[in-house]
């Protein structure tokens, strides 16, 4: 049995994803600051591309944790679920509440045509 996070729901690919263009600095307990470029987001997690200064980002193992700060949500922990050469998928430690998620999407998607109809 691995020492990684014991995630209860690892495949939430049917969750609605919202395209965003948001750069964030994650905090890793050993690597320190990790630069991420979040390209899509759901209430359950996000997909990121390697950002500038992201040395070793995708050298992380499955289940490793980062803490990021999101508008209207604040600090939230995310667990690495999968990686490719230049992308990674993270699952949040908790689901973001609907009202917080709506405010988050409004902040990260200033173009109303990209927002899902509510």
C-alpha atoms as a PDB file:
ATOM      1  CA  UNK A   1       0.000   0.000   0.000  1.00  0.00           C
ATOM      2  CA  UNK A   2       1.429   3.376  -1.032  1.00  0.00           C
ATOM      3  CA  UNK A   3       2.030   6.266   1.295  1.00  0.00           C
ATOM      4  CA  UNK A   4       0.104   8.683  -0.944  1.00  0.00           C
ATOM      5  CA  UNK A   5      -3.272  10.191  -0.168  1.00  0.00           C
ATOM      6  CA  UNK A   6      -6.189   7.807   0.161  1.00  0.00           C
ATOM      7  CA  UNK A   7      -8.617   9.602  -2.153  1.00  0.00           C
ATOM      8  CA  UNK A   8     -12.236   8.568  -1.963  1.00  0.00           C
ATOM      9  CA  UNK A   9     -13.200   9.710  -5.455  1.00  0.00           C
ATOM     10  CA  UNK A  10     -10.453   9.635  -8.044  1.00  0.00           C
ATOM     11  CA  UNK A  11     -12.394   9.785 -11.304  1.00  0.00           C
ATOM     12  CA  UNK A  12     -14.626  12.854 -11.504  1.00  0.00           C
ATOM     13  CA  UNK A  13     -14.125  13.415 -15.215  1.00  0.00           C
ATOM     14  CA  UNK A  14     -17.824  13.927 -15.766  1.00  0.00           C
ATOM     15  CA  UNK A  15     -17.742  17.092 -13.665  1.00  0.00           C
ATOM     16  CA  UNK A  16     -18.299  20.277 -15.626  1.00  0.00           C
ATOM     17  CA  UNK A  17     -14.963  21.883 -16.377  1.00  0.00           C
ATOM     18  CA  UNK A  18     -14.626  25.597 -16.912  1.00  0.00           C
ATOM     19  CA  UNK A  19     -11.783  26.947 -19.058  1.00  0.00           C
ATOM     20  CA  UNK A  20      -9.694  29.481 -17.155  1.00  0.00           C
ATOM     21  CA  UNK A  21      -6.337  31.189 -17.534  1.00  0.00           C
ATOM     22  CA  UNK A  22      -5.036  31.565 -13.993  1.00  0.00           C
ATOM     23  CA  UNK A  23      -1.472  31.497 -12.718  1.00  0.00           C
ATOM     24  CA  UNK A  24      -0.986  30.452  -9.122  1.00  0.00           C
ATOM     25  CA  UNK A  25       1.870  29.525  -6.829  1.00  0.00           C
ATOM     26  CA  UNK A  26       1.327  26.260  -4.992  1.00  0.00           C
ATOM     27  CA  UNK A  27       3.069  25.389  -1.753  1.00  0.00           C
ATOM     28  CA  UNK A  28       4.693  21.957  -1.521  1.00  0.00           C
ATOM     29  CA  UNK A  29       6.131  20.797   1.802  1.00  0.00           C
ATOM     30  CA  UNK A  30       9.476  19.755   0.275  1.00  0.00           C
ATOM     31  CA  UNK A  31       9.770  21.696  -2.982  1.00  0.00           C
ATOM     32  CA  UNK A  32       8.498  25.006  -1.642  1.00  0.00           C
ATOM     33  CA  UNK A  33       6.847  27.252  -4.251  1.00  0.00           C
ATOM     34  CA  UNK A  34       5.532  25.503  -7.374  1.00  0.00           C
ATOM     35  CA  UNK A  35       4.321  27.696 -10.258  1.00  0.00           C
ATOM     36  CA  UNK A  36       1.144  26.480 -11.968  1.00  0.00           C
ATOM     37  CA  UNK A  37      -0.963  27.675 -14.854  1.00  0.00           C
ATOM     38  CA  UNK A  38      -4.529  26.455 -14.261  1.00  0.00           C
ATOM     39  CA  UNK A  39      -6.276  25.889 -17.598  1.00  0.00           C
ATOM     40  CA  UNK A  40      -9.529  24.316 -16.451  1.00  0.00           C
ATOM     41  CA  UNK A  41     -11.361  24.043 -13.190  1.00  0.00           C
ATOM     42  CA  UNK A  42     -14.286  22.198 -11.611  1.00  0.00           C
ATOM     43  CA  UNK A  43     -15.701  22.112  -8.098  1.00  0.00           C
ATOM     44  CA  UNK A  44     -13.689  18.909  -7.579  1.00  0.00           C
ATOM     45  CA  UNK A  45     -10.277  19.849  -8.997  1.00  0.00           C
ATOM     46  CA  UNK A  46      -8.264  21.411 -11.783  1.00  0.00           C
ATOM     47  CA  UNK A  47      -5.897  20.754 -14.655  1.00  0.00           C
ATOM     48  CA  UNK A  48      -2.652  22.709 -14.809  1.00  0.00           C
ATOM     49  CA  UNK A  49       0.165  23.190 -17.273  1.00  0.00           C
ATOM     50  CA  UNK A  50       3.699  23.742 -16.111  1.00  0.00           C
ATOM     51  CA  UNK A  51       4.327  27.419 -15.435  1.00  0.00           C
ATOM     52  CA  UNK A  52       7.527  29.407 -15.526  1.00  0.00           C
ATOM     53  CA  UNK A  53       9.922  28.313 -12.823  1.00  0.00           C
ATOM     54  CA  UNK A  54       8.142  24.971 -12.377  1.00  0.00           C
ATOM     55  CA  UNK A  55      11.279  22.850 -12.093  1.00  0.00           C
ATOM     56  CA  UNK A  56      10.344  19.410 -10.881  1.00  0.00           C
ATOM     57  CA  UNK A  57       6.574  19.982 -10.863  1.00  0.00           C
ATOM     58  CA  UNK A  58       5.782  16.845 -12.756  1.00  0.00           C
ATOM     59  CA  UNK A  59       8.374  14.897 -10.810  1.00  0.00           C
ATOM     60  CA  UNK A  60       5.750  14.811  -8.042  1.00  0.00           C
ATOM     61  CA  UNK A  61       4.207  11.437  -7.308  1.00  0.00           C
ATOM     62  CA  UNK A  62       0.545  10.589  -7.414  1.00  0.00           C
ATOM     63  CA  UNK A  63      -1.181  11.599  -4.184  1.00  0.00           C
ATOM     64  CA  UNK A  64       1.320  14.316  -3.284  1.00  0.00           C
ATOM     65  CA  UNK A  65      -0.208  17.528  -1.987  1.00  0.00           C
ATOM     66  CA  UNK A  66      -0.048  21.198  -2.892  1.00  0.00           C
ATOM     67  CA  UNK A  67      -1.794  24.080  -1.180  1.00  0.00           C
ATOM     68  CA  UNK A  68      -3.035  26.839  -3.479  1.00  0.00           C
ATOM     69  CA  UNK A  69      -4.963  30.049  -2.899  1.00  0.00           C
ATOM     70  CA  UNK A  70      -8.026  30.734  -5.062  1.00  0.00           C
ATOM     71  CA  UNK A  71     -10.217  33.852  -5.172  1.00  0.00           C
ATOM     72  CA  UNK A  72     -13.406  33.500  -3.041  1.00  0.00           C
ATOM     73  CA  UNK A  73     -12.216  30.100  -1.790  1.00  0.00           C
ATOM     74  CA  UNK A  74      -8.955  30.918  -0.035  1.00  0.00           C
ATOM     75  CA  UNK A  75      -6.365  28.260   0.752  1.00  0.00           C
ATOM     76  CA  UNK A  76      -7.267  24.781  -0.416  1.00  0.00           C
ATOM     77  CA  UNK A  77      -5.259  21.589  -0.577  1.00  0.00           C
ATOM     78  CA  UNK A  78      -5.089  19.608  -3.813  1.00  0.00           C
ATOM     79  CA  UNK A  79      -3.786  16.084  -4.443  1.00  0.00           C
ATOM     80  CA  UNK A  80      -1.991  15.112  -7.649  1.00  0.00           C
ATOM     81  CA  UNK A  81      -4.052  12.523  -9.532  1.00  0.00           C
ATOM     82  CA  UNK A  82      -2.291  12.221 -12.910  1.00  0.00           C
ATOM     83  CA  UNK A  83       0.511  13.755 -14.994  1.00  0.00           C
ATOM     84  CA  UNK A  84       1.686  13.890 -18.594  1.00  0.00           C
ATOM     85  CA  UNK A  85       4.744  15.657 -19.977  1.00  0.00           C
ATOM     86  CA  UNK A  86       3.324  19.164 -19.583  1.00  0.00           C
ATOM     87  CA  UNK A  87       0.002  18.805 -17.740  1.00  0.00           C
ATOM     88  CA  UNK A  88      -1.223  17.550 -14.397  1.00  0.00           C
ATOM     89  CA  UNK A  89      -4.619  16.866 -12.850  1.00  0.00           C
ATOM     90  CA  UNK A  90      -5.328  17.686  -9.215  1.00  0.00           C
ATOM     91  CA  UNK A  91      -8.281  16.817  -6.989  1.00  0.00           C
ATOM     92  CA  UNK A  92      -9.276  19.188  -4.209  1.00  0.00           C
ATOM     93  CA  UNK A  93      -9.304  17.810  -0.666  1.00  0.00           C
ATOM     94  CA  UNK A  94     -12.937  18.927  -0.486  1.00  0.00           C
ATOM     95  CA  UNK A  95     -15.630  19.953  -2.942  1.00  0.00           C
ATOM     96  CA  UNK A  96     -15.975  23.713  -3.338  1.00  0.00           C
ATOM     97  CA  UNK A  97     -19.467  24.879  -2.351  1.00  0.00           C
ATOM     98  CA  UNK A  98     -21.732  26.005  -5.207  1.00  0.00           C
ATOM     99  CA  UNK A  99     -21.904  29.668  -4.159  1.00  0.00           C
ATOM    100  CA  UNK A 100     -18.100  29.880  -3.728  1.00  0.00           C
ATOM    101  CA  UNK A 101     -17.553  28.094  -7.034  1.00  0.00           C
ATOM    102  CA  UNK A 102     -19.878  30.485  -8.900  1.00  0.00           C
ATOM    103  CA  UNK A 103     -18.006  33.480  -7.462  1.00  0.00           C
ATOM    104  CA  UNK A 104     -14.672  31.827  -8.322  1.00  0.00           C
ATOM    105  CA  UNK A 105     -15.675  31.238 -11.949  1.00  0.00           C
ATOM    106  CA  UNK A 106     -16.983  34.811 -12.239  1.00  0.00           C
ATOM    107  CA  UNK A 107     -13.588  36.057 -10.994  1.00  0.00           C
ATOM    108  CA  UNK A 108     -11.508  33.784 -13.233  1.00  0.00           C
ATOM    109  CA  UNK A 109     -13.672  34.007 -16.385  1.00  0.00           C
ATOM    110  CA  UNK A 110     -14.259  37.687 -17.047  1.00  0.00           C
ATOM    111  CA  UNK A 111     -15.693  36.836 -20.485  1.00  0.00           C
ATOM    112  CA  UNK A 112     -19.383  35.995 -19.816  1.00  0.00           C
ATOM    113  CA  UNK A 113     -19.605  33.957 -23.031  1.00  0.00           C
ATOM    114  CA  UNK A 114     -17.232  31.379 -21.498  1.00  0.00           C
ATOM    115  CA  UNK A 115     -19.323  30.969 -18.348  1.00  0.00           C
ATOM    116  CA  UNK A 116     -21.855  28.154 -18.149  1.00  0.00           C
ATOM    117  CA  UNK A 117     -25.467  29.266 -18.063  1.00  0.00           C
ATOM    118  CA  UNK A 118     -26.967  29.121 -14.554  1.00  0.00           C
END
